Protein backbone atom coordinates (compact mmCIF):
# COMPACT_ATOMS: atom_id res chain seq x y z
CA MET A 1 112.52 105.81 100.21
CA THR A 2 113.72 102.33 99.63
CA SER A 3 115.37 101.49 96.29
CA THR A 4 113.65 98.81 94.11
CA HIS A 5 116.53 98.55 91.81
CA ASP A 6 117.92 94.85 91.13
CA PRO A 7 122.08 95.19 91.85
CA ALA A 8 122.34 92.12 89.14
CA GLN A 9 120.84 94.67 86.51
CA PRO A 10 123.26 95.60 84.11
CA SER A 11 124.37 99.30 83.38
CA ALA A 12 122.92 101.17 80.04
CA PHE A 13 126.79 102.13 79.88
CA ASP A 14 129.40 99.95 78.41
CA GLY A 15 132.71 99.56 79.69
CA VAL A 16 135.14 102.03 78.44
CA HIS A 17 135.12 105.02 80.95
CA PRO A 18 131.32 105.11 81.97
CA PRO A 19 130.56 107.89 84.76
CA GLU A 20 131.82 107.10 88.02
CA ARG A 21 129.59 106.33 90.66
CA GLU A 22 131.43 108.37 93.33
CA LEU A 23 131.08 111.40 91.06
CA LEU A 24 127.37 110.96 90.38
CA ASP A 25 127.16 110.27 94.08
CA ASP A 26 128.37 113.84 94.92
CA CYS A 27 125.16 116.03 93.57
CA VAL A 28 122.89 116.26 96.21
CA HIS A 29 120.42 118.06 94.35
CA CYS A 30 120.13 121.16 95.76
CA GLY A 31 119.48 123.61 92.95
CA PHE A 32 122.36 125.96 93.01
CA CYS A 33 123.04 125.19 89.63
CA LEU A 34 119.66 126.04 87.89
CA PRO A 35 119.63 129.80 87.53
CA THR A 36 123.14 129.41 86.23
CA CYS A 37 121.83 126.27 83.23
CA PRO A 38 121.29 128.09 80.18
CA THR A 39 118.85 125.15 78.93
CA TYR A 40 116.77 125.21 82.74
CA VAL A 41 117.10 129.25 82.26
CA LEU A 42 115.13 128.65 78.71
CA TRP A 43 113.13 126.06 79.68
CA GLY A 44 112.12 125.73 83.21
CA GLU A 45 112.64 121.91 82.32
CA GLU A 46 114.22 119.81 85.30
CA MET A 47 115.69 116.77 82.98
CA ASP A 48 117.25 119.93 81.20
CA SER A 49 119.20 121.17 84.28
CA PRO A 50 122.50 119.65 85.58
CA ARG A 51 120.64 117.78 88.35
CA GLY A 52 118.45 116.13 85.85
CA ARG A 53 120.80 115.45 83.84
CA ILE A 54 123.15 113.77 86.42
CA LEU A 55 120.23 112.05 87.60
CA LEU A 56 119.49 110.49 84.07
CA MET A 57 123.14 109.24 84.04
CA ASP A 58 122.52 107.49 87.52
CA LEU A 59 119.41 105.70 86.46
CA ALA A 60 121.36 104.98 83.31
CA GLU A 61 124.17 103.80 85.42
CA LYS A 62 122.22 101.25 87.66
CA GLY A 63 120.58 99.93 84.30
CA ASP A 64 116.88 101.53 84.76
CA ILE A 65 116.50 103.85 81.48
CA GLY A 66 118.63 103.06 78.02
CA LEU A 67 120.67 105.58 76.46
CA ASP A 68 118.59 106.18 73.51
CA GLY A 69 115.28 108.51 73.38
CA PRO A 70 115.09 111.01 76.16
CA PHE A 71 118.40 110.26 77.46
CA THR A 72 120.28 111.20 74.37
CA GLU A 73 117.95 114.10 73.74
CA HIS A 74 118.52 115.90 77.36
CA ILE A 75 122.26 115.22 76.88
CA ASP A 76 122.51 116.48 73.34
CA ASN A 77 120.39 119.53 74.48
CA CYS A 78 123.43 120.23 77.30
CA LEU A 79 125.85 123.19 76.04
CA GLY A 80 128.43 121.98 78.05
CA CYS A 81 129.13 125.46 79.16
CA MET A 82 130.30 124.16 83.10
CA ALA A 83 128.69 127.19 84.45
CA CYS A 84 127.38 124.90 86.47
CA VAL A 85 130.54 123.57 87.80
CA THR A 86 131.59 127.31 89.11
CA ALA A 87 127.89 127.21 91.14
CA CYS A 88 127.97 124.11 92.64
CA PRO A 89 128.90 124.59 96.07
CA SER A 90 129.32 120.54 96.69
CA GLY A 91 132.64 120.27 94.02
CA VAL A 92 130.22 118.35 91.95
CA GLN A 93 132.24 117.62 88.81
CA TYR A 94 129.55 117.81 86.29
CA ASP A 95 132.46 118.53 83.49
CA LYS A 96 133.66 114.75 83.79
CA LEU A 97 130.69 113.21 84.20
CA LEU A 98 129.57 114.89 80.61
CA GLU A 99 132.88 114.01 79.26
CA SER A 100 132.50 110.51 79.96
CA VAL A 101 128.63 110.31 78.59
CA ARG A 102 128.84 111.90 75.65
CA PRO A 103 130.95 109.05 74.23
CA GLN A 104 128.91 106.58 75.64
CA ILE A 105 126.00 108.23 73.32
CA GLU A 106 127.99 108.49 70.03
CA ARG A 107 129.24 104.63 70.84
CA ASN A 108 125.82 103.32 71.29
CA VAL A 109 123.12 105.26 70.17
CA PRO A 110 122.89 105.01 66.19
CA ARG A 111 121.93 108.84 65.04
CA ASN A 112 119.27 109.43 62.23
CA ARG A 113 120.83 109.59 58.97
CA ALA A 114 120.40 113.56 58.32
CA ASP A 115 121.79 113.96 62.04
CA LYS A 116 124.59 111.86 61.44
CA LEU A 117 125.59 113.09 57.81
CA PHE A 118 125.29 116.83 59.51
CA ARG A 119 127.69 115.98 62.44
CA ASP A 120 129.83 113.98 60.15
CA ALA A 121 130.08 116.83 57.64
CA ILE A 122 130.87 119.05 60.54
CA PHE A 123 134.26 116.75 61.92
CA ALA A 124 135.21 116.39 58.36
CA LEU A 125 135.92 120.18 57.62
CA PHE A 126 136.54 122.15 61.12
CA PRO A 127 139.28 120.20 62.21
CA TYR A 128 141.64 120.56 58.97
CA ARG A 129 143.22 123.62 58.77
CA ARG A 130 143.76 122.65 54.91
CA ARG A 131 140.07 122.02 54.04
CA LEU A 132 139.14 125.18 55.68
CA ARG A 133 141.23 127.11 53.28
CA ALA A 134 139.91 125.21 50.15
CA ALA A 135 136.65 125.93 51.68
CA ALA A 136 137.55 129.86 52.18
CA LEU A 137 137.91 129.98 48.66
CA PRO A 138 134.09 129.60 47.54
CA GLY A 139 133.17 130.90 50.77
CA ALA A 140 134.80 134.02 49.66
CA LEU A 141 133.40 133.96 46.22
CA TYR A 142 129.51 132.83 47.84
CA GLN A 143 129.60 136.00 50.23
CA LYS A 144 129.84 138.15 47.02
CA LEU A 145 127.67 136.54 44.76
CA ARG A 146 125.12 136.44 47.53
CA ALA A 147 124.91 140.30 47.31
CA VAL A 148 123.36 140.06 43.83
CA PRO A 149 119.68 140.00 44.32
CA ALA A 150 118.91 137.31 41.54
CA ILE A 151 121.78 134.79 43.07
CA ARG A 152 120.03 135.53 46.68
CA LYS A 153 116.94 134.26 45.69
CA LEU A 154 118.16 131.49 43.84
CA ALA A 155 119.89 130.39 46.99
CA GLU A 156 117.25 130.91 48.90
CA LYS A 157 114.81 128.90 46.86
CA LEU A 158 116.74 126.24 46.40
CA PRO A 159 117.20 124.69 50.02
CA GLY A 160 113.08 124.19 50.04
CA ARG A 161 113.03 120.59 49.28
CA LEU A 162 115.50 119.90 52.44
CA PRO A 163 113.96 118.70 56.05
CA ALA A 164 113.36 121.38 58.18
CA GLY A 165 115.27 120.91 61.06
CA THR A 166 118.48 120.27 58.12
CA MET A 167 117.18 123.32 56.55
CA ARG A 168 117.61 125.65 59.84
CA ARG A 169 120.88 124.21 60.82
CA LEU A 170 122.37 124.99 57.10
CA ALA A 171 120.71 128.15 57.83
CA ALA A 172 122.46 128.71 61.06
CA VAL A 173 126.01 127.44 59.33
CA GLU A 174 125.30 130.55 56.68
CA SER A 175 124.72 132.77 59.10
CA LEU A 176 127.40 132.56 61.27
CA LEU A 177 130.18 132.44 58.62
CA PRO A 178 132.53 135.11 59.22
CA PRO A 179 133.65 137.76 56.15
CA VAL A 180 136.04 135.39 54.32
CA SER A 181 139.70 137.05 53.54
CA VAL A 182 141.50 134.83 50.88
CA ARG A 183 144.54 136.38 51.80
CA GLU A 184 144.35 136.01 55.24
CA ALA A 185 142.85 132.38 55.33
CA PHE A 186 146.15 131.31 53.44
CA ALA A 187 148.68 133.57 55.52
CA THR A 188 151.24 132.23 57.69
CA LEU A 189 153.08 132.97 60.73
CA PRO A 190 156.99 133.26 61.27
CA VAL A 191 158.14 129.96 62.92
CA HIS A 192 160.40 132.31 65.24
CA THR A 193 159.41 135.67 66.35
CA PRO A 194 162.32 137.23 69.06
CA ALA A 195 161.46 138.85 72.00
CA VAL A 196 161.49 142.87 72.16
CA GLY A 197 164.41 143.87 74.47
CA ARG A 198 165.63 141.47 76.87
CA ARG A 199 163.81 138.03 76.68
CA ARG A 200 161.35 137.31 79.84
CA ALA A 201 160.12 134.20 78.59
CA ARG A 202 160.17 131.51 75.60
CA VAL A 203 157.01 129.89 74.54
CA ALA A 204 155.01 128.01 71.61
CA LEU A 205 151.89 128.94 70.29
CA LEU A 206 148.86 126.78 69.11
CA THR A 207 147.70 128.67 66.34
CA GLY A 208 144.34 126.70 66.20
CA CYS A 209 142.21 125.50 63.14
CA VAL A 210 139.52 127.93 62.82
CA GLN A 211 141.13 130.61 64.73
CA ASP A 212 144.00 130.52 61.95
CA VAL A 213 141.98 130.53 58.72
CA PHE A 214 139.20 132.66 59.75
CA PHE A 215 140.46 134.45 62.77
CA HIS A 216 144.52 135.02 61.30
CA ARG A 217 144.46 138.43 62.64
CA VAL A 218 144.02 137.13 66.31
CA ASN A 219 146.84 134.73 66.05
CA GLU A 220 149.01 138.06 64.25
CA ALA A 221 148.06 140.62 67.41
CA THR A 222 148.60 137.85 69.86
CA LEU A 223 152.59 137.12 68.08
CA ARG A 224 153.10 141.11 68.23
CA VAL A 225 151.48 141.45 71.95
CA LEU A 226 153.74 138.46 73.30
CA ALA A 227 157.38 139.54 71.85
CA ALA A 228 156.68 143.28 72.83
CA GLU A 229 156.45 142.60 76.40
CA GLY A 230 159.46 140.22 76.21
CA CYS A 231 158.59 136.50 74.99
CA ASP A 232 160.35 134.67 72.29
CA VAL A 233 157.35 132.87 70.37
CA LEU A 234 157.69 129.79 68.43
CA VAL A 235 155.08 128.73 65.87
CA PRO A 236 155.49 125.09 64.60
CA ARG A 237 154.21 124.59 61.01
CA ASP A 238 153.33 121.02 61.17
CA GLN A 239 150.75 121.37 63.87
CA GLN A 240 147.43 120.14 63.98
CA CYS A 241 144.21 120.26 65.39
CA CYS A 242 144.11 120.12 69.37
CA GLY A 243 141.07 117.59 69.22
CA ALA A 244 138.42 120.10 71.48
CA LEU A 245 135.75 120.21 69.41
CA GLU A 246 135.87 116.36 69.35
CA VAL A 247 136.25 116.09 72.81
CA HIS A 248 133.30 118.28 73.58
CA ALA A 249 130.89 116.38 70.90
CA GLY A 250 132.04 113.06 72.58
CA ARG A 251 134.33 111.82 69.76
CA ALA A 252 136.66 110.33 71.99
CA GLU A 253 138.92 107.84 69.63
CA SER A 254 139.51 110.64 67.15
CA ALA A 255 140.19 113.47 69.80
CA LEU A 256 142.71 111.44 71.78
CA ALA A 257 144.45 110.65 68.76
CA ARG A 258 144.58 114.33 67.92
CA ALA A 259 145.80 115.12 71.41
CA ARG A 260 148.23 112.73 71.40
CA ARG A 261 150.12 114.29 68.00
CA THR A 262 149.61 117.33 69.92
CA ILE A 263 151.88 116.31 72.55
CA ALA A 264 154.44 114.74 70.86
CA ARG A 265 154.53 118.30 68.78
CA PHE A 266 155.24 120.74 70.97
CA GLU A 267 156.59 118.54 74.30
CA THR A 268 160.03 118.78 72.36
CA LEU A 269 160.45 122.26 72.20
CA ASP A 270 162.14 124.12 74.77
CA VAL A 271 159.58 126.51 76.14
CA ASP A 272 158.51 127.52 79.24
CA ALA A 273 154.42 127.47 77.84
CA VAL A 274 152.55 126.47 75.29
CA VAL A 275 150.01 129.27 74.85
CA THR A 276 146.60 129.32 73.33
CA ASN A 277 144.22 132.03 72.68
CA VAL A 278 141.36 129.94 71.90
CA ALA A 279 139.17 129.57 75.32
CA GLY A 280 137.96 125.83 74.12
CA CYS A 281 141.44 124.71 72.67
CA GLY A 282 142.69 125.49 76.02
CA SER A 283 140.31 123.75 78.09
CA SER A 284 140.97 120.90 76.38
CA MET A 285 144.79 121.00 76.30
CA LYS A 286 144.89 121.81 79.89
CA ASP A 287 142.87 118.26 80.67
CA TYR A 288 144.59 115.96 78.17
CA GLY A 289 146.56 115.14 81.48
CA HIS A 290 142.94 113.40 82.76
CA LEU A 291 142.10 112.23 79.34
CA LEU A 292 145.03 109.87 78.93
CA ALA A 293 145.35 109.20 82.18
CA ASP A 294 144.92 105.17 81.93
CA ASP A 295 147.25 104.83 78.75
CA PRO A 296 150.93 103.85 79.69
CA GLU A 297 152.37 105.38 77.03
CA TRP A 298 150.94 108.62 77.12
CA ALA A 299 149.70 109.62 80.88
CA ASP A 300 152.82 111.21 82.49
CA ARG A 301 153.38 112.94 78.80
CA ALA A 302 150.09 114.15 78.62
CA ALA A 303 150.01 115.41 82.23
CA ALA A 304 152.90 117.08 82.06
CA PHE A 305 152.32 118.88 78.85
CA SER A 306 148.90 119.99 80.64
CA ALA A 307 151.13 121.58 82.96
CA ARG A 308 152.59 123.93 80.58
CA CYS A 309 149.48 125.09 78.74
CA ARG A 310 148.65 128.81 79.54
CA ASP A 311 145.62 131.14 78.14
CA VAL A 312 147.88 133.85 76.41
CA HIS A 313 146.00 136.22 79.38
CA GLU A 314 147.79 133.79 81.99
CA VAL A 315 150.99 134.71 80.50
CA LEU A 316 150.65 138.15 80.32
CA ALA A 317 149.16 138.75 83.60
CA GLU A 318 152.16 136.67 85.53
CA LEU A 319 154.63 138.99 83.58
CA TYR A 320 152.63 141.97 84.72
CA SER A 321 152.77 140.60 88.09
CA ARG A 322 156.24 140.08 88.58
CA PRO A 323 158.00 142.99 90.70
CA GLU A 324 159.90 145.23 89.03
CA SER A 325 163.05 144.35 90.20
CA GLU A 326 162.78 140.74 88.39
CA ASP A 327 161.78 142.68 85.10
CA GLY A 328 158.27 142.70 85.79
CA GLY A 329 155.07 144.89 84.59
CA PRO A 330 153.95 145.73 81.25
CA ARG A 331 156.76 146.69 79.11
CA ALA A 332 155.40 147.75 75.75
CA PRO A 333 154.40 151.40 76.10
CA ARG A 334 150.30 152.13 75.43
CA THR A 335 148.32 154.84 74.10
CA PRO A 336 145.15 155.48 75.10
CA VAL A 337 141.67 153.76 73.92
CA ARG A 338 139.41 155.94 75.03
CA GLY A 339 136.06 154.25 75.64
CA ARG A 340 133.60 151.33 77.37
CA VAL A 341 135.13 148.28 76.51
CA ALA A 342 132.25 145.00 77.88
CA TYR A 343 134.63 141.77 78.56
CA HIS A 344 132.12 138.42 77.91
CA ASP A 345 133.56 135.65 79.82
CA ALA A 346 133.86 132.54 77.68
CA CYS A 347 132.62 129.68 78.94
CA HIS A 348 135.52 127.29 78.63
CA LEU A 349 137.82 129.79 80.26
CA GLY A 350 135.62 131.50 82.43
CA HIS A 351 133.93 128.51 83.77
CA ALA A 352 136.32 125.42 82.53
CA GLN A 353 139.74 126.87 82.76
CA GLY A 354 139.08 129.21 85.72
CA VAL A 355 140.56 132.36 84.10
CA ARG A 356 138.38 135.03 84.94
CA SER A 357 140.55 138.14 86.09
CA GLN A 358 143.41 137.78 84.36
CA PRO A 359 141.85 138.81 81.19
CA ARG A 360 140.33 141.81 82.69
CA GLU A 361 143.61 142.72 84.35
CA VAL A 362 145.25 142.71 81.23
CA LEU A 363 142.96 144.82 79.79
CA ARG A 364 143.15 147.52 82.64
CA THR A 365 146.59 148.00 81.57
CA VAL A 366 145.41 150.12 78.74
CA PRO A 367 145.37 153.89 79.54
CA GLU A 368 141.37 155.20 80.02
CA VAL A 369 139.76 152.21 79.11
CA GLU A 370 136.95 151.44 81.16
CA LEU A 371 135.64 147.73 81.55
CA VAL A 372 132.34 147.26 82.10
CA ASP A 373 130.48 144.20 83.30
CA ILE A 374 127.77 142.21 81.25
CA ALA A 375 124.81 141.22 83.36
CA GLU A 376 124.40 137.46 83.14
CA ALA A 377 127.92 137.03 82.65
CA SER A 378 127.94 133.59 83.88
CA LEU A 379 124.94 132.54 80.89
CA CYS A 380 126.49 131.06 77.64
CA CYS A 381 125.77 133.36 74.37
CA GLY A 382 124.93 129.86 72.68
CA SER A 383 127.92 128.79 70.71
CA ALA A 384 129.37 126.12 72.96
CA GLY A 385 131.87 124.62 70.09
CA ILE A 386 129.39 123.05 67.66
CA TYR A 387 126.13 123.82 69.68
CA ASN A 388 124.87 126.77 67.52
CA MET A 389 124.99 124.78 64.14
CA ILE A 390 123.76 121.45 65.90
CA MET A 391 121.22 123.11 68.18
CA PRO A 392 120.10 126.31 65.84
CA ASP A 393 116.75 127.24 67.90
CA ALA A 394 118.02 126.98 70.93
CA ALA A 395 121.47 128.97 70.53
CA ALA A 396 119.45 131.60 68.70
CA GLU A 397 117.69 132.18 71.92
CA LEU A 398 120.81 132.58 73.88
CA GLY A 399 122.06 134.77 71.56
CA GLU A 400 119.48 137.09 71.46
CA ARG A 401 119.59 137.16 75.40
CA LYS A 402 123.04 137.71 75.54
CA ALA A 403 123.17 140.27 73.04
CA GLY A 404 120.07 142.01 75.17
CA LYS A 405 123.02 141.95 77.71
CA ILE A 406 125.46 143.62 76.28
CA ARG A 407 123.31 146.33 74.58
CA ASP A 408 122.34 147.20 78.25
CA ALA A 409 125.70 148.03 79.08
CA LYS A 410 126.36 150.23 76.18
CA PRO A 411 129.84 149.39 75.61
CA ASP A 412 132.13 151.34 72.76
CA VAL A 413 133.86 147.84 72.22
CA VAL A 414 133.19 144.24 72.80
CA VAL A 415 135.77 141.97 73.77
CA THR A 416 135.99 138.46 73.93
CA ALA A 417 138.51 135.64 73.97
CA ASN A 418 136.83 132.67 71.57
CA PRO A 419 136.16 132.69 68.10
CA GLY A 420 132.61 131.38 68.71
CA CYS A 421 131.68 133.57 70.63
CA LEU A 422 132.69 136.32 68.75
CA LEU A 423 131.10 134.91 65.73
CA GLN A 424 127.62 134.27 68.01
CA ILE A 425 127.76 137.74 69.12
CA ALA A 426 128.23 139.27 65.66
CA LYS A 427 124.90 137.74 64.81
CA TYR A 428 122.85 138.80 67.41
CA LEU A 429 124.19 142.11 67.79
CA PRO A 430 124.07 143.83 64.33
CA GLY A 431 122.27 146.81 65.55
CA SER A 432 120.91 148.62 68.67
CA PRO A 433 117.16 147.66 70.00
CA ASP A 434 115.86 150.90 67.91
CA GLY A 435 117.02 149.66 64.50
CA PRO A 436 120.36 147.96 62.90
CA ASN A 437 122.22 151.08 62.65
CA SER A 438 120.32 153.45 65.07
CA THR A 439 121.82 155.52 67.78
CA GLU A 440 118.91 156.55 69.69
CA GLY A 441 118.73 154.92 73.23
CA THR A 442 122.23 153.45 72.99
CA GLY A 443 124.23 156.27 74.50
CA GLY A 444 126.42 155.61 71.77
CA PRO A 445 127.04 154.28 67.60
CA GLY A 446 124.80 151.55 66.29
CA PHE A 447 125.58 148.31 67.17
CA ALA A 448 126.50 147.41 63.76
CA ASP A 449 129.06 149.79 64.00
CA VAL A 450 130.47 148.36 67.69
CA PRO A 451 133.82 146.29 67.16
CA LEU A 452 134.08 142.67 68.32
CA LEU A 453 137.28 141.76 69.21
CA HIS A 454 139.85 139.48 71.05
CA PRO A 455 141.18 141.07 73.95
CA VAL A 456 145.02 140.86 72.78
CA GLN A 457 143.84 142.78 69.49
CA LEU A 458 142.80 145.59 71.66
CA LEU A 459 146.32 145.32 73.49
CA ASP A 460 148.11 145.45 70.37
CA ALA A 461 146.31 148.35 68.93
CA SER A 462 147.42 150.35 72.34
CA ILE A 463 150.82 149.15 71.71
CA ARG A 464 151.05 150.03 68.37
CA GLY A 465 148.98 153.32 68.57
CA ALA A 466 146.63 151.92 65.87
CA ALA A 467 143.34 152.10 65.37
CA LEU A 468 140.93 149.34 66.80
CA PRO A 469 140.26 146.64 64.03
CA HIS A 470 136.62 146.78 62.52
CA ARG A 471 134.29 143.70 63.61
């Protein structure tokens, strides 16, 4: 078929990092990505598949279509889970294409007032630890008052005047709120924690924003495990947001500013690795070298920083893989944890970072753990950064689907290495198929009682000989 495209037709993209023609041409539209794409699996819509979105990018790059309307709709529908990158036999870099296109939309496509206000509110809160801590106070009070029938009835009536779409988004945010502990929200980690016994590594820990405020226990467990396994751990007090949420949402300018600040804060530390325990943060930090490649002042610094970034499971698996003659292997004694442990692959750990075997290797060092797989492991749970807040209906379908696959595995414990996944799974795994607290047909306790943990929390409990934390 002969192309009718006019080469003089201007591209719909602006000149700031548009999608590269070479990357667009890599896609041969074979369809291997289709069964791994969450939105295509849900709707069967070609334009909501990776190859369909690449076709839209190709048309926009040629100037045949604009960025508003259907183009923005189908790109917004994408979770950015990168399962297609893992599945593609041609090595199509859909991650780089999406990373270049989303900022184009944010710069060039005006959003309606309600959508803009909602997105702005998210990014006025979540990247700021102090603001999150301040929000934890009314959040804790709200959760207590919500249990009062009269207050709950009033809260259900008040939003009735809001647009339906806004109401669904607000309801999604409320339903994802974890139990708020003011004590934990304001807790801090020590600046320096020495290794137990002879030092095997010296690392710095990124504590994160949401992670440090609402999942502080995970950071505490990470610190204890690293120290128990022979790591000196530094935790810079003045570290800030790494920019991951903004990178994934196309807010390039503020994301790159946060990347530069993160590099500047950590690059002066004499450490072997900068460790993350959040899949989304780690994937962005490992990509700083690419994101800042054309910045003469920061390109080399960013590349050097990214080369030192490691997920906590990578650090532990590397220590365990060393020969005993080089002080390798698990050092801290473990107590048994009896039961079936289902490991959920967070997308930005498994697909974006390629870290799949290491978490499983770490979990298998715990005696008597029976590690079980979850069917459709590569399919996103629907969390995807801010996706479950801005696209609550699609996220709900994916959350229900993932919860069903987890129930099928009949686990005693569910573990995953991302706070968003923990919140999403907790929302849709409140009980068994036979009822919220039923034990019939599950082969175990009601799923409301199943602990949902970060893998390091399970390892930490084994090392300390402690009971598993509650979900």
